[in-house]
C-alpha atoms as a PDB file:
ATOM      1  CA  MET A   1      80.086 120.758 103.343  1.00  0.00           C
ATOM      2  CA  THR A   2      80.519 117.001 103.768  1.00  0.00           C
ATOM      3  CA  SER A   3      83.470 115.639 105.628  1.00  0.00           C
ATOM      4  CA  ALA A   4      85.688 113.093 103.973  1.00  0.00           C
ATOM      5  CA  PRO A   5      86.827 110.082 106.003  1.00  0.00           C
ATOM      6  CA  THR A   6      90.437 110.118 107.131  1.00  0.00           C
ATOM      7  CA  PHE A   7      92.669 107.095 107.615  1.00  0.00           C
ATOM      8  CA  THR A   8      96.299 106.074 107.863  1.00  0.00           C
ATOM      9  CA  LEU A   9      97.850 103.666 105.380  1.00  0.00           C
ATOM     10  CA  ASP A  10     100.258 101.339 107.164  1.00  0.00           C
ATOM     11  CA  ARG A  11     100.738  97.618 107.838  1.00  0.00           C
ATOM     12  CA  ARG A  12      97.296  97.526 109.482  1.00  0.00           C
ATOM     13  CA  THR A  13      95.220  99.342 106.831  1.00  0.00           C
ATOM     14  CA  VAL A  14      95.155  99.301 103.026  1.00  0.00           C
ATOM     15  CA  LEU A  15      92.899 101.105 100.574  1.00  0.00           C
ATOM     16  CA  HIS A  16      90.949  99.097  97.994  1.00  0.00           C
ATOM     17  CA  LEU A  17      90.360 100.982  94.721  1.00  0.00           C
ATOM     18  CA  ALA A  18      87.447  99.182  93.053  1.00  0.00           C
ATOM     19  CA  PRO A  19      86.785  99.052  89.292  1.00  0.00           C
ATOM     20  CA  ASP A  20      83.529 101.014  89.818  1.00  0.00           C
ATOM     21  CA  GLN A  21      85.645 103.981  91.078  1.00  0.00           C
ATOM     22  CA  SER A  22      84.664 103.417  94.735  1.00  0.00           C
ATOM     23  CA  ALA A  23      87.258 103.104  97.482  1.00  0.00           C
ATOM     24  CA  SER A  24      87.234 101.531 100.933  1.00  0.00           C
ATOM     25  CA  THR A  25      89.709 100.967 103.737  1.00  0.00           C
ATOM     26  CA  VAL A  26      90.464  97.381 104.697  1.00  0.00           C
ATOM     27  CA  PRO A  27      91.926  96.413 108.103  1.00  0.00           C
ATOM     28  CA  VAL A  28      94.680  93.827 107.649  1.00  0.00           C
ATOM     29  CA  ASP A  29      97.069  91.704 109.671  1.00  0.00           C
ATOM     30  CA  GLU A  30      99.542  88.940 108.773  1.00  0.00           C
ATOM     31  CA  ASN A  31      96.693  86.417 108.825  1.00  0.00           C
ATOM     32  CA  TYR A  32      94.805  88.490 106.226  1.00  0.00           C
ATOM     33  CA  TRP A  33      97.583  88.144 103.639  1.00  0.00           C
ATOM     34  CA  ALA A  34      97.929  84.406 104.316  1.00  0.00           C
ATOM     35  CA  HIS A  35      94.230  83.997 103.423  1.00  0.00           C
ATOM     36  CA  ARG A  36      94.021  86.582 100.649  1.00  0.00           C
ATOM     37  CA  GLN A  37      92.160  84.202  98.312  1.00  0.00           C
ATOM     38  CA  ALA A  38      89.093  84.533 100.561  1.00  0.00           C
ATOM     39  CA  ALA A  39      89.122  88.365 100.579  1.00  0.00           C
ATOM     40  CA  SER A  40      86.530  89.638  98.098  1.00  0.00           C
ATOM     41  CA  GLU A  41      88.209  93.069  97.828  1.00  0.00           C
ATOM     42  CA  LEU A  42      91.322  91.394  96.431  1.00  0.00           C
ATOM     43  CA  ARG A  43      89.479  89.893  93.462  1.00  0.00           C
ATOM     44  CA  GLU A  44      89.427  93.069  91.334  1.00  0.00           C
ATOM     45  CA  GLY A  45      90.643  96.641  91.262  1.00  0.00           C
ATOM     46  CA  ARG A  46      93.854  97.759  92.950  1.00  0.00           C
ATOM     47  CA  ILE A  47      95.204  97.841  96.488  1.00  0.00           C
ATOM     48  CA  LEU A  48      97.008 100.934  97.774  1.00  0.00           C
ATOM     49  CA  SER A  49      99.351 100.125 100.676  1.00  0.00           C
ATOM     50  CA  VAL A  50     102.288 101.586 102.587  1.00  0.00           C
ATOM     51  CA  PHE A  51     105.053  99.496 104.157  1.00  0.00           C
ATOM     52  CA  THR A  52     108.225 100.488 105.994  1.00  0.00           C
ATOM     53  CA  TYR A  53     111.263  98.206 105.713  1.00  0.00           C
ATOM     54  CA  GLU A  54     114.434  98.196 107.797  1.00  0.00           C
ATOM     55  CA  ALA A  55     116.263  95.593 105.686  1.00  0.00           C
ATOM     56  CA  SER A  56     116.367  94.310 102.120  1.00  0.00           C
ATOM     57  CA  TRP A  57     113.689  91.834 101.114  1.00  0.00           C
ATOM     58  CA  SER A  58     114.580  88.180 101.645  1.00  0.00           C
ATOM     59  CA  TRP A  59     112.185  87.257  98.814  1.00  0.00           C
ATOM     60  CA  TRP A  60     111.347  87.964  95.207  1.00  0.00           C
ATOM     61  CA  GLU A  61     107.782  88.669  94.157  1.00  0.00           C
ATOM     62  CA  ARG A  62     105.773  89.172  91.001  1.00  0.00           C
ATOM     63  CA  HIS A  63     102.219  90.022  89.992  1.00  0.00           C
ATOM     64  CA  PRO A  64     101.003  87.880  87.083  1.00  0.00           C
ATOM     65  CA  VAL A  65      97.917  90.078  86.557  1.00  0.00           C
ATOM     66  CA  GLY A  66      98.867  93.700  85.855  1.00  0.00           C
ATOM     67  CA  PHE A  67     101.674  96.082  86.669  1.00  0.00           C
ATOM     68  CA  GLU A  68     102.561  97.399  90.145  1.00  0.00           C
ATOM     69  CA  PHE A  69     103.429 101.017  90.869  1.00  0.00           C
ATOM     70  CA  VAL A  70     105.966 101.676  93.667  1.00  0.00           C
ATOM     71  CA  LEU A  71     106.745 105.141  95.088  1.00  0.00           C
ATOM     72  CA  VAL A  72     109.484 105.875  97.644  1.00  0.00           C
ATOM     73  CA  LEU A  73     107.994 108.025 100.411  1.00  0.00           C
ATOM     74  CA  SER A  74     111.238 108.106 102.415  1.00  0.00           C
ATOM     75  CA  GLY A  75     114.622 106.417 102.295  1.00  0.00           C
ATOM     76  CA  ALA A  76     116.313 104.775  99.324  1.00  0.00           C
ATOM     77  CA  VAL A  77     116.008 101.431  97.546  1.00  0.00           C
ATOM     78  CA  VAL A  78     117.374  99.534  94.581  1.00  0.00           C
ATOM     79  CA  PHE A  79     114.766  97.393  92.843  1.00  0.00           C
ATOM     80  CA  HIS A  80     116.246  94.375  91.089  1.00  0.00           C
ATOM     81  CA  LEU A  81     114.127  93.061  88.213  1.00  0.00           C
ATOM     82  CA  GLN A  82     114.339  89.558  86.704  1.00  0.00           C
ATOM     83  CA  ASP A  83     112.705  87.604  83.914  1.00  0.00           C
ATOM     84  CA  ASP A  84     110.985  84.233  84.480  1.00  0.00           C
ATOM     85  CA  ASP A  85     114.193  82.298  83.868  1.00  0.00           C
ATOM     86  CA  GLY A  86     116.046  84.289  86.565  1.00  0.00           C
ATOM     87  CA  SER A  87     118.110  86.324  84.133  1.00  0.00           C
ATOM     88  CA  PRO A  88     118.590  89.898  85.325  1.00  0.00           C
ATOM     89  CA  ARG A  89     116.552  92.516  83.520  1.00  0.00           C
ATOM     90  CA  ARG A  90     117.896  95.641  85.253  1.00  0.00           C
ATOM     91  CA  SER A  91     118.336  97.325  88.607  1.00  0.00           C
ATOM     92  CA  VAL A  92     116.743 100.687  89.363  1.00  0.00           C
ATOM     93  CA  ALA A  93     117.898 102.963  92.205  1.00  0.00           C
ATOM     94  CA  LEU A  94     115.149 105.133  93.683  1.00  0.00           C
ATOM     95  CA  GLY A  95     115.189 107.916  96.251  1.00  0.00           C
ATOM     96  CA  GLU A  96     112.471 109.861  98.007  1.00  0.00           C
ATOM     97  CA  GLY A  97     109.682 110.906  95.645  1.00  0.00           C
ATOM     98  CA  GLU A  98     110.792 108.575  92.845  1.00  0.00           C
ATOM     99  CA  GLY A  99     108.653 105.765  91.480  1.00  0.00           C
ATOM    100  CA  LEU A 100     108.790 102.670  89.333  1.00  0.00           C
ATOM    101  CA  LEU A 101     106.262 100.751  87.259  1.00  0.00           C
ATOM    102  CA  VAL A 102     107.020  97.042  87.597  1.00  0.00           C
ATOM    103  CA  GLY A 103     105.668  95.213  84.563  1.00  0.00           C
ATOM    104  CA  GLU A 104     103.180  92.382  84.696  1.00  0.00           C
ATOM    105  CA  GLY A 105     104.876  89.102  85.671  1.00  0.00           C
ATOM    106  CA  ILE A 106     108.303  90.678  86.320  1.00  0.00           C
ATOM    107  CA  TRP A 107     110.097  89.302  89.387  1.00  0.00           C
ATOM    108  CA  HIS A 108     111.278  92.126  91.668  1.00  0.00           C
ATOM    109  CA  GLN A 109     113.255  92.386  94.890  1.00  0.00           C
ATOM    110  CA  ALA A 110     113.998  95.459  97.027  1.00  0.00           C
ATOM    111  CA  GLY A 111     117.563  96.057  98.171  1.00  0.00           C
ATOM    112  CA  LEU A 112     117.559  98.812 100.777  1.00  0.00           C
ATOM    113  CA  THR A 113     120.324 101.330 101.144  1.00  0.00           C
ATOM    114  CA  ALA A 114     118.537 102.929 104.145  1.00  0.00           C
ATOM    115  CA  PRO A 115     115.331 102.330 106.127  1.00  0.00           C
ATOM    116  CA  THR A 116     112.629 102.950 103.553  1.00  0.00           C
ATOM    117  CA  THR A 117     108.885 103.560 103.369  1.00  0.00           C
ATOM    118  CA  LEU A 118     107.224 102.545 100.101  1.00  0.00           C
ATOM    119  CA  LEU A 119     103.762 103.168  98.703  1.00  0.00           C
ATOM    120  CA  PHE A 120     102.445 100.343  96.490  1.00  0.00           C
ATOM    121  CA  VAL A 121      99.564 100.310  94.033  1.00  0.00           C
ATOM    122  CA  THR A 122      99.143  96.577  93.433  1.00  0.00           C
ATOM    123  CA  PRO A 123      96.862  94.891  90.897  1.00  0.00           C
ATOM    124  CA  SER A 124      93.969  92.645  91.839  1.00  0.00           C
ATOM    125  CA  PRO A 125      93.151  89.880  91.679  1.00  0.00           C
ATOM    126  CA  ALA A 126      95.910  89.569  94.242  1.00  0.00           C
ATOM    127  CA  LEU A 127      97.779  86.653  92.770  1.00  0.00           C
ATOM    128  CA  THR A 128     101.168  87.818  94.071  1.00  0.00           C
ATOM    129  CA  GLN A 129     103.748  85.047  93.852  1.00  0.00           C
ATOM    130  CA  HIS A 130     106.864  84.795  96.039  1.00  0.00           C
ATOM    131  CA  ARG A 131     110.147  82.921  95.944  1.00  0.00           C
ATOM    132  CA  ALA A 132     113.247  83.028  98.140  1.00  0.00           C
ATOM    133  CA  VAL A 133     116.258  85.185  97.270  1.00  0.00           C
END
C-alpha cells in the first residue's frame, strides 16, 4: 500500500489542480499573491484554497476566466453579486456546507454574519481583479 501525502489547506498552502489531472501543494504568502503573474502554477488549471475571515470583505473581486466555486466550511456569509456596471445581480446567504458557483466575470463580495471559513476552487489563469467596496 502506498501512502498518500497529507497537507493542510490554509493561508500558507493551496492546492493546484492541473489540466493533466495532477495536483500539487504550493506554499504561499502575501508576497506570492502580489506576484501571481510569475507563478507558473497559476497559468492553467484551478487553485483550491481555504481562507478564514473575521470581517466582511472590504473589496469586490471577479474572475474573468471561468467560474469560481465557494463552499462554506464553517460560519455564515452573504455573497453579493454585481454586473460590470455595478448593478446588483442578487445576494445569496450561505451557511455551513452550502456552496455557490460564481459565474465568469461576475463581481462578488462577501458580507459575513459570523466568523467564516470558506473553501474556494478558483480558475486559472489567475487573473482575479479587485476593486474597493
